[in-house]
Protein backbone atom coordinates (compact mmCIF):
# COMPACT_ATOMS: atom_id res chain seq x y z
CA MET A 1 0.00 0.00 0.00
CA GLN A 2 2.87 2.35 0.76
CA LYS A 3 4.24 1.94 -2.74
CA LEU A 4 0.91 2.94 -4.28
CA VAL A 5 0.63 5.95 -1.98
CA LEU A 6 4.13 7.02 -2.96
CA CYS A 7 3.26 6.47 -6.61
CA LEU A 8 0.14 8.57 -6.31
CA THR A 9 1.99 11.40 -4.61
CA ALA A 10 4.43 11.44 -7.52
CA VAL A 11 1.65 12.04 -10.04
CA LEU A 12 1.74 15.52 -11.49
CA PHE A 13 -1.55 16.79 -12.81
CA SER A 14 -2.12 19.55 -15.26
CA PHE A 15 -5.67 20.68 -15.87
CA SER A 16 -6.59 22.74 -18.89
CA LEU A 17 -10.05 24.03 -19.69
CA LEU A 18 -11.18 24.54 -23.26
CA ALA A 19 -14.80 25.33 -24.11
CA GLN A 20 -16.25 23.64 -21.02
CA THR A 21 -14.03 20.58 -21.43
CA ALA A 22 -11.05 19.55 -19.36
CA SER A 23 -7.93 17.49 -19.79
CA ILE A 24 -5.97 15.63 -17.12
CA LYS A 25 -2.29 14.94 -17.79
CA GLY A 26 0.27 13.39 -15.51
CA THR A 27 3.21 11.09 -14.98
CA ILE A 28 3.11 7.93 -12.87
CA THR A 29 6.36 6.99 -11.12
CA ASP A 30 7.39 4.69 -8.30
CA GLU A 31 9.14 5.69 -5.09
CA THR A 32 12.49 5.85 -6.92
CA GLU A 33 11.03 8.16 -9.59
CA GLN A 34 11.17 5.43 -12.26
CA ALA A 35 8.35 5.65 -14.83
CA LEU A 36 5.66 2.98 -14.53
CA VAL A 37 5.03 1.81 -18.09
CA GLY A 38 1.55 0.44 -18.74
CA ALA A 39 -0.05 1.56 -15.46
CA SER A 40 -3.84 1.80 -15.68
CA VAL A 41 -5.40 5.20 -15.00
CA LEU A 42 -9.20 5.18 -14.62
CA ILE A 43 -11.73 7.80 -13.61
CA ALA A 44 -13.76 6.38 -10.73
CA ASN A 45 -17.37 5.38 -11.49
CA THR A 46 -16.93 5.80 -15.26
CA GLY A 47 -15.66 3.70 -18.12
CA THR A 48 -13.07 6.32 -18.99
CA GLY A 49 -9.42 5.39 -18.69
CA THR A 50 -6.05 5.00 -20.31
CA THR A 51 -2.60 3.51 -19.74
CA THR A 52 0.76 5.18 -19.31
CA ASP A 53 3.29 5.34 -22.14
CA LEU A 54 7.02 4.44 -22.09
CA ASP A 55 7.75 7.56 -20.01
CA GLY A 56 4.94 6.90 -17.51
CA LYS A 57 2.86 9.75 -18.98
CA PHE A 58 -0.90 9.71 -19.53
CA GLU A 59 -3.64 12.04 -20.73
CA LEU A 60 -7.40 11.95 -20.34
CA SER A 61 -9.07 14.56 -22.54
CA ASN A 62 -12.51 15.83 -23.58
CA LEU A 63 -13.81 15.57 -20.02
CA LYS A 64 -16.62 17.63 -18.59
CA GLU A 65 -15.44 20.32 -16.22
CA GLY A 66 -15.46 19.02 -12.64
CA VAL A 67 -13.64 17.14 -9.92
CA TYR A 68 -12.49 13.58 -10.63
CA THR A 69 -11.08 10.73 -8.58
CA LEU A 70 -8.39 8.77 -10.40
CA LEU A 71 -7.81 5.08 -9.75
CA ILE A 72 -4.27 4.00 -10.61
CA SER A 73 -3.23 0.37 -10.71
CA TYR A 74 -0.07 -1.44 -11.72
CA VAL A 75 0.86 -5.13 -11.60
CA GLY A 76 3.01 -5.78 -8.53
CA TYR A 77 1.71 -2.83 -6.48
CA GLU A 78 -1.02 -2.79 -3.83
């Protein structure tokens, strides 16, 4: 659980608003700041999600303006 908490604290979010839509961008890393390739990033209670690229980066775009809870999972982490 500690590893996931550390991973989540390392996520950097950037929100941009365009015509009532929002985008969430970030980078998922582990406690040693290594990128987590292929981590799942989902918006809670929706079917919207993506995976991280080779640099641990992700983007969720064309979202309605609001507050979202992200669920991040990666094989080998609790």
